[in-house]
Amino acid sequence: MVHHMKQMKNAAIVCNIGHFDNEIDMLGLEAYPGIKRITIKPQTDPWVFPETRRGINILAERLLMNLGCASGQPSFVMSCSFTNQAAALHLGKPGDKFTKLTPEQAAYISVPAEGP
């Protein structure tokens, strides 16, 4: 909600790292009387409230931050984002090396040694 955004510290970073792209009240922010949007670069926009001349920084508006602000090969970034439990499928592509959990490591994080 916009009233929560207005109460945040000046230059607070607001972005969505969840599973949906609608968790930030962008419609309310856009409709706020006198609000000023300043685009610094794509996906980086300070929004300044007129009463305080202070504001928040919205990253990756209407997108998930890990996809909207990612650099590199977008399809690979997106694929990694959605298959982090199947990392073995991706390793070897960028030249990484895959090691398996020891029984002690698996017990510590409460997953099977072969992965979740």
PDB file of N, CA and C in Angstrom:
ATOM      1  N   MET A   1       0.831  -1.174   0.000  1.00  0.00           N
ATOM      2  CA  MET A   1       0.000   0.000   0.000  1.00  0.00           C
ATOM      3  C   MET A   1       0.884   1.249   0.000  1.00  0.00           C
ATOM      4  N   VAL A   2       0.397   2.272  -0.656  1.00  0.00           N
ATOM      5  CA  VAL A   2       1.171   3.505  -0.801  1.00  0.00           C
ATOM      6  C   VAL A   2       1.493   4.132   0.548  1.00  0.00           C
ATOM      7  N   HIS A   3       0.552   4.094   1.494  1.00  0.00           N
ATOM      8  CA  HIS A   3       0.843   4.724   2.789  1.00  0.00           C
ATOM      9  C   HIS A   3       2.012   4.036   3.494  1.00  0.00           C
ATOM     10  N   HIS A   4       2.218   2.750   3.245  1.00  0.00           N
ATOM     11  CA  HIS A   4       3.392   2.066   3.802  1.00  0.00           C
ATOM     12  C   HIS A   4       4.667   2.531   3.101  1.00  0.00           C
ATOM     13  N   MET A   5       4.600   2.689   1.783  1.00  0.00           N
ATOM     14  CA  MET A   5       5.769   3.144   1.024  1.00  0.00           C
ATOM     15  C   MET A   5       6.175   4.546   1.471  1.00  0.00           C
ATOM     16  N   LYS A   6       5.197   5.390   1.750  1.00  0.00           N
ATOM     17  CA  LYS A   6       5.475   6.771   2.164  1.00  0.00           C
ATOM     18  C   LYS A   6       6.187   6.813   3.513  1.00  0.00           C
ATOM     19  N   GLN A   7       5.981   5.812   4.342  1.00  0.00           N
ATOM     20  CA  GLN A   7       6.601   5.757   5.670  1.00  0.00           C
ATOM     21  C   GLN A   7       8.013   5.166   5.660  1.00  0.00           C
ATOM     22  N   MET A   8       8.434   4.625   4.534  1.00  0.00           N
ATOM     23  CA  MET A   8       9.765   4.007   4.459  1.00  0.00           C
ATOM     24  C   MET A   8      10.859   5.061   4.518  1.00  0.00           C
ATOM     25  N   LYS A   9      12.060   4.617   4.871  1.00  0.00           N
ATOM     26  CA  LYS A   9      13.209   5.519   4.871  1.00  0.00           C
ATOM     27  C   LYS A   9      13.444   6.071   3.475  1.00  0.00           C
ATOM     28  N   ASN A  10      13.982   7.275   3.411  1.00  0.00           N
ATOM     29  CA  ASN A  10      14.290   7.883   2.126  1.00  0.00           C
ATOM     30  C   ASN A  10      15.228   6.979   1.335  1.00  0.00           C
ATOM     31  N   ALA A  11      14.919   6.796   0.067  1.00  0.00           N
ATOM     32  CA  ALA A  11      15.707   5.997  -0.872  1.00  0.00           C
ATOM     33  C   ALA A  11      15.675   4.501  -0.566  1.00  0.00           C
ATOM     34  N   ALA A  12      14.668   4.048   0.204  1.00  0.00           N
ATOM     35  CA  ALA A  12      14.525   2.612   0.440  1.00  0.00           C
ATOM     36  C   ALA A  12      14.332   1.909  -0.899  1.00  0.00           C
ATOM     37  N   ILE A  13      14.893   0.729  -1.021  1.00  0.00           N
ATOM     38  CA  ILE A  13      14.747  -0.055  -2.249  1.00  0.00           C
ATOM     39  C   ILE A  13      13.535  -0.958  -2.103  1.00  0.00           C
ATOM     40  N   VAL A  14      12.627  -0.860  -3.070  1.00  0.00           N
ATOM     41  CA  VAL A  14      11.414  -1.672  -3.079  1.00  0.00           C
ATOM     42  C   VAL A  14      11.430  -2.493  -4.360  1.00  0.00           C
ATOM     43  N   CYS A  15      11.369  -3.816  -4.199  1.00  0.00           N
ATOM     44  CA  CYS A  15      11.367  -4.692  -5.358  1.00  0.00           C
ATOM     45  C   CYS A  15      10.701  -5.999  -4.982  1.00  0.00           C
ATOM     46  N   ASN A  16      10.375  -6.780  -5.954  1.00  0.00           N
ATOM     47  CA  ASN A  16       9.693  -8.036  -5.736  1.00  0.00           C
ATOM     48  C   ASN A  16      10.631  -9.192  -6.028  1.00  0.00           C
ATOM     49  N   ILE A  17      10.897  -9.975  -4.996  1.00  0.00           N
ATOM     50  CA  ILE A  17      11.716 -11.170  -5.201  1.00  0.00           C
ATOM     51  C   ILE A  17      10.887 -12.427  -4.996  1.00  0.00           C
ATOM     52  N   GLY A  18       9.572 -12.255  -4.911  1.00  0.00           N
ATOM     53  CA  GLY A  18       8.667 -13.372  -4.684  1.00  0.00           C
ATOM     54  C   GLY A  18       8.306 -14.100  -5.949  1.00  0.00           C
ATOM     55  N   HIS A  19       7.145 -14.709  -5.936  1.00  0.00           N
ATOM     56  CA  HIS A  19       6.703 -15.524  -7.059  1.00  0.00           C
ATOM     57  C   HIS A  19       5.729 -14.815  -7.981  1.00  0.00           C
ATOM     58  N   PHE A  20       5.240 -13.651  -7.584  1.00  0.00           N
ATOM     59  CA  PHE A  20       4.253 -12.944  -8.383  1.00  0.00           C
ATOM     60  C   PHE A  20       4.767 -11.556  -8.714  1.00  0.00           C
ATOM     61  N   ASP A  21       4.238 -10.950  -9.764  1.00  0.00           N
ATOM     62  CA  ASP A  21       4.698  -9.629 -10.174  1.00  0.00           C
ATOM     63  C   ASP A  21       3.729  -8.521  -9.768  1.00  0.00           C
ATOM     64  N   ASN A  22       2.771  -8.818  -8.896  1.00  0.00           N
ATOM     65  CA  ASN A  22       1.766  -7.819  -8.536  1.00  0.00           C
ATOM     66  C   ASN A  22       1.752  -7.511  -7.043  1.00  0.00           C
ATOM     67  N   GLU A  23       2.826  -7.784  -6.348  1.00  0.00           N
ATOM     68  CA  GLU A  23       2.845  -7.632  -4.894  1.00  0.00           C
ATOM     69  C   GLU A  23       3.166  -6.216  -4.436  1.00  0.00           C
ATOM     70  N   ILE A  24       3.557  -5.335  -5.346  1.00  0.00           N
ATOM     71  CA  ILE A  24       3.826  -3.936  -5.015  1.00  0.00           C
ATOM     72  C   ILE A  24       2.682  -3.113  -5.601  1.00  0.00           C
ATOM     73  N   ASP A  25       2.142  -2.213  -4.812  1.00  0.00           N
ATOM     74  CA  ASP A  25       0.987  -1.410  -5.218  1.00  0.00           C
ATOM     75  C   ASP A  25       1.395  -0.306  -6.190  1.00  0.00           C
ATOM     76  N   MET A  26       1.742  -0.690  -7.414  1.00  0.00           N
ATOM     77  CA  MET A  26       2.169   0.298  -8.409  1.00  0.00           C
ATOM     78  C   MET A  26       1.007   1.189  -8.850  1.00  0.00           C
ATOM     79  N   LEU A  27      -0.197   0.649  -8.944  1.00  0.00           N
ATOM     80  CA  LEU A  27      -1.340   1.479  -9.334  1.00  0.00           C
ATOM     81  C   LEU A  27      -1.582   2.580  -8.304  1.00  0.00           C
ATOM     82  N   GLY A  28      -1.496   2.241  -7.031  1.00  0.00           N
ATOM     83  CA  GLY A  28      -1.662   3.247  -5.977  1.00  0.00           C
ATOM     84  C   GLY A  28      -0.559   4.281  -6.011  1.00  0.00           C
ATOM     85  N   LEU A  29       0.671   3.836  -6.268  1.00  0.00           N
ATOM     86  CA  LEU A  29       1.805   4.757  -6.341  1.00  0.00           C
ATOM     87  C   LEU A  29       1.645   5.704  -7.531  1.00  0.00           C
ATOM     88  N   GLU A  30       1.271   5.164  -8.674  1.00  0.00           N
ATOM     89  CA  GLU A  30       1.088   5.988  -9.868  1.00  0.00           C
ATOM     90  C   GLU A  30      -0.037   7.012  -9.701  1.00  0.00           C
ATOM     91  N   ALA A  31      -1.063   6.659  -8.931  1.00  0.00           N
ATOM     92  CA  ALA A  31      -2.223   7.533  -8.744  1.00  0.00           C
ATOM     93  C   ALA A  31      -2.034   8.537  -7.605  1.00  0.00           C
ATOM     94  N   TYR A  32      -0.927   8.429  -6.868  1.00  0.00           N
ATOM     95  CA  TYR A  32      -0.720   9.324  -5.725  1.00  0.00           C
ATOM     96  C   TYR A  32      -0.572  10.763  -6.231  1.00  0.00           C
ATOM     97  N   PRO A  33      -1.361  11.695  -5.720  1.00  0.00           N
ATOM     98  CA  PRO A  33      -1.328  13.077  -6.216  1.00  0.00           C
ATOM     99  C   PRO A  33       0.050  13.730  -6.066  1.00  0.00           C
ATOM    100  N   GLY A  34       0.592  14.199  -7.188  1.00  0.00           N
ATOM    101  CA  GLY A  34       1.860  14.920  -7.180  1.00  0.00           C
ATOM    102  C   GLY A  34       3.111  14.071  -7.134  1.00  0.00           C
ATOM    103  N   ILE A  35       2.967  12.744  -7.146  1.00  0.00           N
ATOM    104  CA  ILE A  35       4.146  11.867  -7.096  1.00  0.00           C
ATOM    105  C   ILE A  35       5.010  12.121  -8.329  1.00  0.00           C
ATOM    106  N   LYS A  36       6.325  12.056  -8.154  1.00  0.00           N
ATOM    107  CA  LYS A  36       7.234  12.286  -9.274  1.00  0.00           C
ATOM    108  C   LYS A  36       8.106  11.046  -9.474  1.00  0.00           C
ATOM    109  N   ARG A  37       8.116  10.559 -10.702  1.00  0.00           N
ATOM    110  CA  ARG A  37       8.941   9.405 -11.063  1.00  0.00           C
ATOM    111  C   ARG A  37      10.160   9.912 -11.828  1.00  0.00           C
ATOM    112  N   ILE A  38      11.335   9.439 -11.421  1.00  0.00           N
ATOM    113  CA  ILE A  38      12.583   9.826 -12.086  1.00  0.00           C
ATOM    114  C   ILE A  38      13.259   8.533 -12.534  1.00  0.00           C
ATOM    115  N   THR A  39      13.340   8.319 -13.832  1.00  0.00           N
ATOM    116  CA  THR A  39      13.985   7.099 -14.326  1.00  0.00           C
ATOM    117  C   THR A  39      15.486   7.345 -14.429  1.00  0.00           C
ATOM    118  N   ILE A  40      16.262   6.584 -13.658  1.00  0.00           N
ATOM    119  CA  ILE A  40      17.721   6.689 -13.701  1.00  0.00           C
ATOM    120  C   ILE A  40      18.268   5.872 -14.859  1.00  0.00           C
ATOM    121  N   LYS A  41      17.783   4.652 -14.966  1.00  0.00           N
ATOM    122  CA  LYS A  41      18.119   3.741 -16.055  1.00  0.00           C
ATOM    123  C   LYS A  41      16.997   2.714 -16.104  1.00  0.00           C
ATOM    124  N   PRO A  42      16.928   1.886 -17.129  1.00  0.00           N
ATOM    125  CA  PRO A  42      15.849   0.899 -17.183  1.00  0.00           C
ATOM    126  C   PRO A  42      15.781   0.058 -15.901  1.00  0.00           C
ATOM    127  N   GLN A  43      14.586  -0.076 -15.377  1.00  0.00           N
ATOM    128  CA  GLN A  43      14.290  -0.866 -14.177  1.00  0.00           C
ATOM    129  C   GLN A  43      14.813  -0.246 -12.881  1.00  0.00           C
ATOM    130  N   THR A  44      15.167   1.032 -12.877  1.00  0.00           N
ATOM    131  CA  THR A  44      15.626   1.731 -11.677  1.00  0.00           C
ATOM    132  C   THR A  44      14.967   3.102 -11.631  1.00  0.00           C
ATOM    133  N   ASP A  45      13.916   3.223 -10.795  1.00  0.00           N
ATOM    134  CA  ASP A  45      13.114   4.440 -10.777  1.00  0.00           C
ATOM    135  C   ASP A  45      12.852   4.938  -9.360  1.00  0.00           C
ATOM    136  N   PRO A  46      13.469   6.055  -8.964  1.00  0.00           N
ATOM    137  CA  PRO A  46      13.043   6.700  -7.722  1.00  0.00           C
ATOM    138  C   PRO A  46      11.670   7.339  -7.913  1.00  0.00           C
ATOM    139  N   TRP A  47      10.825   7.247  -6.917  1.00  0.00           N
ATOM    140  CA  TRP A  47       9.514   7.895  -6.874  1.00  0.00           C
ATOM    141  C   TRP A  47       9.544   8.830  -5.670  1.00  0.00           C
ATOM    142  N   VAL A  48       9.270  10.107  -5.885  1.00  0.00           N
ATOM    143  CA  VAL A  48       9.401  11.119  -4.839  1.00  0.00           C
ATOM    144  C   VAL A  48       8.016  11.633  -4.457  1.00  0.00           C
ATOM    145  N   PHE A  49       7.721  11.611  -3.147  1.00  0.00           N
ATOM    146  CA  PHE A  49       6.453  12.112  -2.632  1.00  0.00           C
ATOM    147  C   PHE A  49       6.521  13.633  -2.522  1.00  0.00           C
ATOM    148  N   PRO A  50       5.479  14.335  -2.961  1.00  0.00           N
ATOM    149  CA  PRO A  50       5.535  15.794  -3.016  1.00  0.00           C
ATOM    150  C   PRO A  50       5.613  16.469  -1.647  1.00  0.00           C
ATOM    151  N   GLU A  51       4.992  15.895  -0.632  1.00  0.00           N
ATOM    152  CA  GLU A  51       4.965  16.537   0.686  1.00  0.00           C
ATOM    153  C   GLU A  51       6.326  16.550   1.366  1.00  0.00           C
ATOM    154  N   THR A  52       7.098  15.513   1.137  1.00  0.00           N
ATOM    155  CA  THR A  52       8.358  15.351   1.865  1.00  0.00           C
ATOM    156  C   THR A  52       9.592  15.528   0.999  1.00  0.00           C
ATOM    157  N   ARG A  53       9.399  15.479  -0.330  1.00  0.00           N
ATOM    158  CA  ARG A  53      10.510  15.469  -1.292  1.00  0.00           C
ATOM    159  C   ARG A  53      11.485  14.329  -0.998  1.00  0.00           C
ATOM    160  N   ARG A  54      10.969  13.286  -0.398  1.00  0.00           N
ATOM    161  CA  ARG A  54      11.710  12.056  -0.132  1.00  0.00           C
ATOM    162  C   ARG A  54      10.968  10.940  -0.847  1.00  0.00           C
ATOM    163  N   GLY A  55      11.625   9.837  -1.060  1.00  0.00           N
ATOM    164  CA  GLY A  55      10.932   8.786  -1.784  1.00  0.00           C
ATOM    165  C   GLY A  55      11.561   7.423  -1.663  1.00  0.00           C
ATOM    166  N   ILE A  56      11.136   6.548  -2.551  1.00  0.00           N
ATOM    167  CA  ILE A  56      11.601   5.159  -2.583  1.00  0.00           C
ATOM    168  C   ILE A  56      12.131   4.852  -3.970  1.00  0.00           C
ATOM    169  N   ASN A  57      12.945   3.831  -4.059  1.00  0.00           N
ATOM    170  CA  ASN A  57      13.492   3.381  -5.339  1.00  0.00           C
ATOM    171  C   ASN A  57      12.811   2.070  -5.716  1.00  0.00           C
ATOM    172  N   ILE A  58      12.078   2.090  -6.824  1.00  0.00           N
ATOM    173  CA  ILE A  58      11.427   0.881  -7.328  1.00  0.00           C
ATOM    174  C   ILE A  58      12.368   0.229  -8.339  1.00  0.00           C
ATOM    175  N   LEU A  59      12.683  -1.041  -8.108  1.00  0.00           N
ATOM    176  CA  LEU A  59      13.498  -1.807  -9.052  1.00  0.00           C
ATOM    177  C   LEU A  59      12.607  -2.818  -9.769  1.00  0.00           C
ATOM    178  N   ALA A  60      12.801  -2.972 -11.056  1.00  0.00           N
ATOM    179  CA  ALA A  60      12.109  -3.980 -11.878  1.00  0.00           C
ATOM    180  C   ALA A  60      10.594  -3.864 -11.751  1.00  0.00           C
ATOM    181  N   GLU A  61      10.086  -2.672 -12.021  1.00  0.00           N
ATOM    182  CA  GLU A  61       8.647  -2.420 -11.896  1.00  0.00           C
ATOM    183  C   GLU A  61       7.826  -3.464 -12.633  1.00  0.00           C
ATOM    184  N   ARG A  62       6.889  -4.041 -11.923  1.00  0.00           N
ATOM    185  CA  ARG A  62       5.968  -5.066 -12.430  1.00  0.00           C
ATOM    186  C   ARG A  62       6.661  -6.332 -12.917  1.00  0.00           C
ATOM    187  N   LEU A  63       7.875  -6.542 -12.496  1.00  0.00           N
ATOM    188  CA  LEU A  63       8.621  -7.756 -12.829  1.00  0.00           C
ATOM    189  C   LEU A  63       9.216  -8.336 -11.554  1.00  0.00           C
ATOM    190  N   LEU A  64       9.621  -9.573 -11.612  1.00  0.00           N
ATOM    191  CA  LEU A  64      10.409 -10.131 -10.522  1.00  0.00           C
ATOM    192  C   LEU A  64      11.824  -9.604 -10.677  1.00  0.00           C
ATOM    193  N   MET A  65      12.421  -9.167  -9.572  1.00  0.00           N
ATOM    194  CA  MET A  65      13.729  -8.523  -9.660  1.00  0.00           C
ATOM    195  C   MET A  65      14.781  -9.441 -10.266  1.00  0.00           C
ATOM    196  N   ASN A  66      14.755 -10.729  -9.918  1.00  0.00           N
ATOM    197  CA  ASN A  66      15.793 -11.621 -10.436  1.00  0.00           C
ATOM    198  C   ASN A  66      15.720 -11.767 -11.945  1.00  0.00           C
ATOM    199  N   LEU A  67      14.554 -11.485 -12.532  1.00  0.00           N
ATOM    200  CA  LEU A  67      14.436 -11.542 -13.988  1.00  0.00           C
ATOM    201  C   LEU A  67      14.575 -10.161 -14.605  1.00  0.00           C
ATOM    202  N   GLY A  68      13.959  -9.159 -14.002  1.00  0.00           N
ATOM    203  CA  GLY A  68      13.960  -7.821 -14.566  1.00  0.00           C
ATOM    204  C   GLY A  68      15.295  -7.120 -14.505  1.00  0.00           C
ATOM    205  N   CYS A  69      16.092  -7.428 -13.496  1.00  0.00           N
ATOM    206  CA  CYS A  69      17.378  -6.744 -13.331  1.00  0.00           C
ATOM    207  C   CYS A  69      18.569  -7.642 -13.604  1.00  0.00           C
ATOM    208  N   ALA A  70      18.314  -8.851 -14.059  1.00  0.00           N
ATOM    209  CA  ALA A  70      19.410  -9.787 -14.315  1.00  0.00           C
ATOM    210  C   ALA A  70      20.205  -9.356 -15.534  1.00  0.00           C
ATOM    211  N   SER A  71      21.454  -9.694 -15.519  1.00  0.00           N
ATOM    212  CA  SER A  71      22.278  -9.469 -16.703  1.00  0.00           C
ATOM    213  C   SER A  71      22.768 -10.828 -17.192  1.00  0.00           C
ATOM    214  N   GLY A  72      23.247 -10.861 -18.385  1.00  0.00           N
ATOM    215  CA  GLY A  72      23.684 -12.130 -18.952  1.00  0.00           C
ATOM    216  C   GLY A  72      22.606 -12.693 -19.851  1.00  0.00           C
ATOM    217  N   GLN A  73      22.625 -13.969 -20.057  1.00  0.00           N
ATOM    218  CA  GLN A  73      21.675 -14.634 -20.945  1.00  0.00           C
ATOM    219  C   GLN A  73      20.325 -14.763 -20.235  1.00  0.00           C
ATOM    220  N   PRO A  74      19.298 -14.007 -20.633  1.00  0.00           N
ATOM    221  CA  PRO A  74      18.015 -14.014 -19.926  1.00  0.00           C
ATOM    222  C   PRO A  74      17.376 -15.390 -19.806  1.00  0.00           C
ATOM    223  N   SER A  75      17.435 -16.208 -20.850  1.00  0.00           N
ATOM    224  CA  SER A  75      16.790 -17.515 -20.763  1.00  0.00           C
ATOM    225  C   SER A  75      17.498 -18.394 -19.743  1.00  0.00           C
ATOM    226  N   PHE A  76      18.821 -18.283 -19.633  1.00  0.00           N
ATOM    227  CA  PHE A  76      19.546 -19.079 -18.646  1.00  0.00           C
ATOM    228  C   PHE A  76      19.241 -18.585 -17.239  1.00  0.00           C
ATOM    229  N   VAL A  77      19.198 -17.255 -17.051  1.00  0.00           N
ATOM    230  CA  VAL A  77      18.865 -16.692 -15.734  1.00  0.00           C
ATOM    231  C   VAL A  77      17.472 -17.147 -15.324  1.00  0.00           C
ATOM    232  N   MET A  78      16.523 -17.060 -16.240  1.00  0.00           N
ATOM    233  CA  MET A  78      15.152 -17.461 -15.938  1.00  0.00           C
ATOM    234  C   MET A  78      15.077 -18.948 -15.625  1.00  0.00           C
ATOM    235  N   SER A  79      15.743 -19.747 -16.394  1.00  0.00           N
ATOM    236  CA  SER A  79      15.730 -21.186 -16.178  1.00  0.00           C
ATOM    237  C   SER A  79      16.315 -21.532 -14.811  1.00  0.00           C
ATOM    238  N   CYS A  80      17.426 -20.888 -14.457  1.00  0.00           N
ATOM    239  CA  CYS A  80      18.033 -21.140 -13.138  1.00  0.00           C
ATOM    240  C   CYS A  80      17.105 -20.702 -12.016  1.00  0.00           C
ATOM    241  N   SER A  81      16.398 -19.608 -12.214  1.00  0.00           N
ATOM    242  CA  SER A  81      15.501 -19.083 -11.188  1.00  0.00           C
ATOM    243  C   SER A  81      14.403 -20.077 -10.846  1.00  0.00           C
ATOM    244  N   PHE A  82      13.907 -20.792 -11.846  1.00  0.00           N
ATOM    245  CA  PHE A  82      12.785 -21.682 -11.619  1.00  0.00           C
ATOM    246  C   PHE A  82      13.185 -23.137 -11.381  1.00  0.00           C
ATOM    247  N   THR A  83      14.445 -23.455 -11.521  1.00  0.00           N
ATOM    248  CA  THR A  83      14.849 -24.844 -11.317  1.00  0.00           C
ATOM    249  C   THR A  83      16.007 -24.966 -10.345  1.00  0.00           C
ATOM    250  N   ASN A  84      16.008 -24.107  -9.325  1.00  0.00           N
ATOM    251  CA  ASN A  84      17.151 -24.144  -8.412  1.00  0.00           C
ATOM    252  C   ASN A  84      17.260 -25.467  -7.668  1.00  0.00           C
ATOM    253  N   GLN A  85      16.165 -26.238  -7.579  1.00  0.00           N
ATOM    254  CA  GLN A  85      16.266 -27.556  -6.957  1.00  0.00           C
ATOM    255  C   GLN A  85      16.892 -28.570  -7.907  1.00  0.00           C
ATOM    256  N   ALA A  86      16.980 -28.254  -9.189  1.00  0.00           N
ATOM    257  CA  ALA A  86      17.558 -29.177 -10.168  1.00  0.00           C
ATOM    258  C   ALA A  86      18.821 -28.570 -10.757  1.00  0.00           C
ATOM    259  N   ALA A  87      19.669 -28.055  -9.902  1.00  0.00           N
ATOM    260  CA  ALA A  87      20.880 -27.360 -10.356  1.00  0.00           C
ATOM    261  C   ALA A  87      21.778 -28.254 -11.199  1.00  0.00           C
ATOM    262  N   ALA A  88      21.736 -29.540 -10.965  1.00  0.00           N
ATOM    263  CA  ALA A  88      22.590 -30.452 -11.727  1.00  0.00           C
ATOM    264  C   ALA A  88      22.293 -30.375 -13.221  1.00  0.00           C
ATOM    265  N   LEU A  89      21.067 -29.992 -13.588  1.00  0.00           N
ATOM    266  CA  LEU A  89      20.719 -29.861 -15.003  1.00  0.00           C
ATOM    267  C   LEU A  89      21.458 -28.711 -15.665  1.00  0.00           C
ATOM    268  N   HIS A  90      21.849 -27.707 -14.877  1.00  0.00           N
ATOM    269  CA  HIS A  90      22.469 -26.511 -15.431  1.00  0.00           C
ATOM    270  C   HIS A  90      23.992 -26.516 -15.326  1.00  0.00           C
ATOM    271  N   LEU A  91      24.490 -27.232 -14.359  1.00  0.00           N
ATOM    272  CA  LEU A  91      25.938 -27.202 -14.172  1.00  0.00           C
ATOM    273  C   LEU A  91      26.624 -27.890 -15.333  1.00  0.00           C
ATOM    274  N   GLY A  92      27.751 -27.409 -15.678  1.00  0.00           N
ATOM    275  CA  GLY A  92      28.454 -27.878 -16.854  1.00  0.00           C
ATOM    276  C   GLY A  92      28.255 -26.907 -18.002  1.00  0.00           C
ATOM    277  N   LYS A  93      27.104 -26.262 -18.062  1.00  0.00           N
ATOM    278  CA  LYS A  93      26.859 -25.251 -19.099  1.00  0.00           C
ATOM    279  C   LYS A  93      27.779 -24.051 -18.905  1.00  0.00           C
ATOM    280  N   PRO A  94      27.800 -23.439 -17.693  1.00  0.00           N
ATOM    281  CA  PRO A  94      28.717 -22.308 -17.518  1.00  0.00           C
ATOM    282  C   PRO A  94      30.109 -22.743 -17.063  1.00  0.00           C
ATOM    283  N   GLY A  95      30.356 -24.065 -16.973  1.00  0.00           N
ATOM    284  CA  GLY A  95      31.671 -24.553 -16.576  1.00  0.00           C
ATOM    285  C   GLY A  95      31.819 -24.797 -15.077  1.00  0.00           C
ATOM    286  N   ASP A  96      30.692 -24.885 -14.360  1.00  0.00           N
ATOM    287  CA  ASP A  96      30.744 -25.124 -12.917  1.00  0.00           C
ATOM    288  C   ASP A  96      30.920 -26.603 -12.629  1.00  0.00           C
ATOM    289  N   LYS A  97      31.278 -26.895 -11.397  1.00  0.00           N
ATOM    290  CA  LYS A  97      31.464 -28.270 -10.960  1.00  0.00           C
ATOM    291  C   LYS A  97      30.432 -28.580  -9.884  1.00  0.00           C
ATOM    292  N   PHE A  98      29.821 -29.734  -9.963  1.00  0.00           N
ATOM    293  CA  PHE A  98      28.768 -30.110  -9.039  1.00  0.00           C
ATOM    294  C   PHE A  98      29.288 -31.131  -8.034  1.00  0.00           C
ATOM    295  N   THR A  99      29.060 -30.879  -6.763  1.00  0.00           N
ATOM    296  CA  THR A  99      29.394 -31.854  -5.723  1.00  0.00           C
ATOM    297  C   THR A  99      28.112 -32.222  -4.999  1.00  0.00           C
ATOM    298  N   LYS A 100      28.039 -33.423  -4.469  1.00  0.00           N
ATOM    299  CA  LYS A 100      26.848 -33.883  -3.756  1.00  0.00           C
ATOM    300  C   LYS A 100      26.985 -33.595  -2.269  1.00  0.00           C
ATOM    301  N   LEU A 101      25.837 -33.455  -1.612  1.00  0.00           N
ATOM    302  CA  LEU A 101      25.839 -33.242  -0.170  1.00  0.00           C
ATOM    303  C   LEU A 101      26.368 -34.479   0.555  1.00  0.00           C
ATOM    304  N   THR A 102      27.097 -34.243   1.611  1.00  0.00           N
ATOM    305  CA  THR A 102      27.472 -35.351   2.487  1.00  0.00           C
ATOM    306  C   THR A 102      26.257 -35.696   3.341  1.00  0.00           C
ATOM    307  N   PRO A 103      26.215 -36.878   3.916  1.00  0.00           N
ATOM    308  CA  PRO A 103      25.086 -37.210   4.799  1.00  0.00           C
ATOM    309  C   PRO A 103      24.930 -36.199   5.946  1.00  0.00           C
ATOM    310  N   GLU A 104      26.044 -35.697   6.461  1.00  0.00           N
ATOM    311  CA  GLU A 104      25.985 -34.716   7.544  1.00  0.00           C
ATOM    312  C   GLU A 104      25.370 -33.396   7.072  1.00  0.00           C
ATOM    313  N   GLN A 105      25.763 -32.934   5.872  1.00  0.00           N
ATOM    314  CA  GLN A 105      25.192 -31.701   5.318  1.00  0.00           C
ATOM    315  C   GLN A 105      23.699 -31.861   5.064  1.00  0.00           C
ATOM    316  N   ALA A 106      23.316 -33.005   4.503  1.00  0.00           N
ATOM    317  CA  ALA A 106      21.907 -33.263   4.217  1.00  0.00           C
ATOM    318  C   ALA A 106      21.081 -33.273   5.507  1.00  0.00           C
ATOM    319  N   ALA A 107      21.601 -33.913   6.530  1.00  0.00           N
ATOM    320  CA  ALA A 107      20.889 -33.951   7.812  1.00  0.00           C
ATOM    321  C   ALA A 107      20.756 -32.550   8.409  1.00  0.00           C
ATOM    322  N   TYR A 108      21.788 -31.749   8.279  1.00  0.00           N
ATOM    323  CA  TYR A 108      21.782 -30.396   8.839  1.00  0.00           C
ATOM    324  C   TYR A 108      20.697 -29.518   8.216  1.00  0.00           C
ATOM    325  N   ILE A 109      20.464 -29.659   6.904  1.00  0.00           N
ATOM    326  CA  ILE A 109      19.429 -28.850   6.256  1.00  0.00           C
ATOM    327  C   ILE A 109      18.145 -29.634   6.005  1.00  0.00           C
ATOM    328  N   SER A 110      18.061 -30.825   6.546  1.00  0.00           N
ATOM    329  CA  SER A 110      16.844 -31.663   6.510  1.00  0.00           C
ATOM    330  C   SER A 110      16.355 -31.984   5.103  1.00  0.00           C
ATOM    331  N   VAL A 111      17.284 -32.385   4.227  1.00  0.00           N
ATOM    332  CA  VAL A 111      16.916 -32.847   2.892  1.00  0.00           C
ATOM    333  C   VAL A 111      17.667 -34.141   2.603  1.00  0.00           C
ATOM    334  N   PRO A 112      17.196 -34.938   1.662  1.00  0.00           N
ATOM    335  CA  PRO A 112      17.944 -36.128   1.271  1.00  0.00           C
ATOM    336  C   PRO A 112      19.288 -35.724   0.640  1.00  0.00           C
ATOM    337  N   ALA A 113      20.280 -36.562   0.754  1.00  0.00           N
ATOM    338  CA  ALA A 113      21.613 -36.251   0.198  1.00  0.00           C
ATOM    339  C   ALA A 113      21.576 -36.041  -1.316  1.00  0.00           C
ATOM    340  N   GLU A 114      20.634 -36.688  -2.001  1.00  0.00           N
ATOM    341  CA  GLU A 114      20.535 -36.502  -3.456  1.00  0.00           C
ATOM    342  C   GLU A 114      19.802 -35.212  -3.830  1.00  0.00           C
ATOM    343  N   GLY A 115      19.311 -34.483  -2.849  1.00  0.00           N
ATOM    344  CA  GLY A 115      18.646 -33.198  -3.103  1.00  0.00           C
ATOM    345  C   GLY A 115      17.172 -33.239  -2.792  1.00  0.00           C
ATOM    346  N   PRO A 116      16.542 -32.070  -2.743  1.00  0.00           N
ATOM    347  CA  PRO A 116      15.114 -32.007  -2.390  1.00  0.00           C
ATOM    348  C   PRO A 116      14.226 -32.571  -3.496  1.00  0.00           C
TER     349      PRO A 116
END
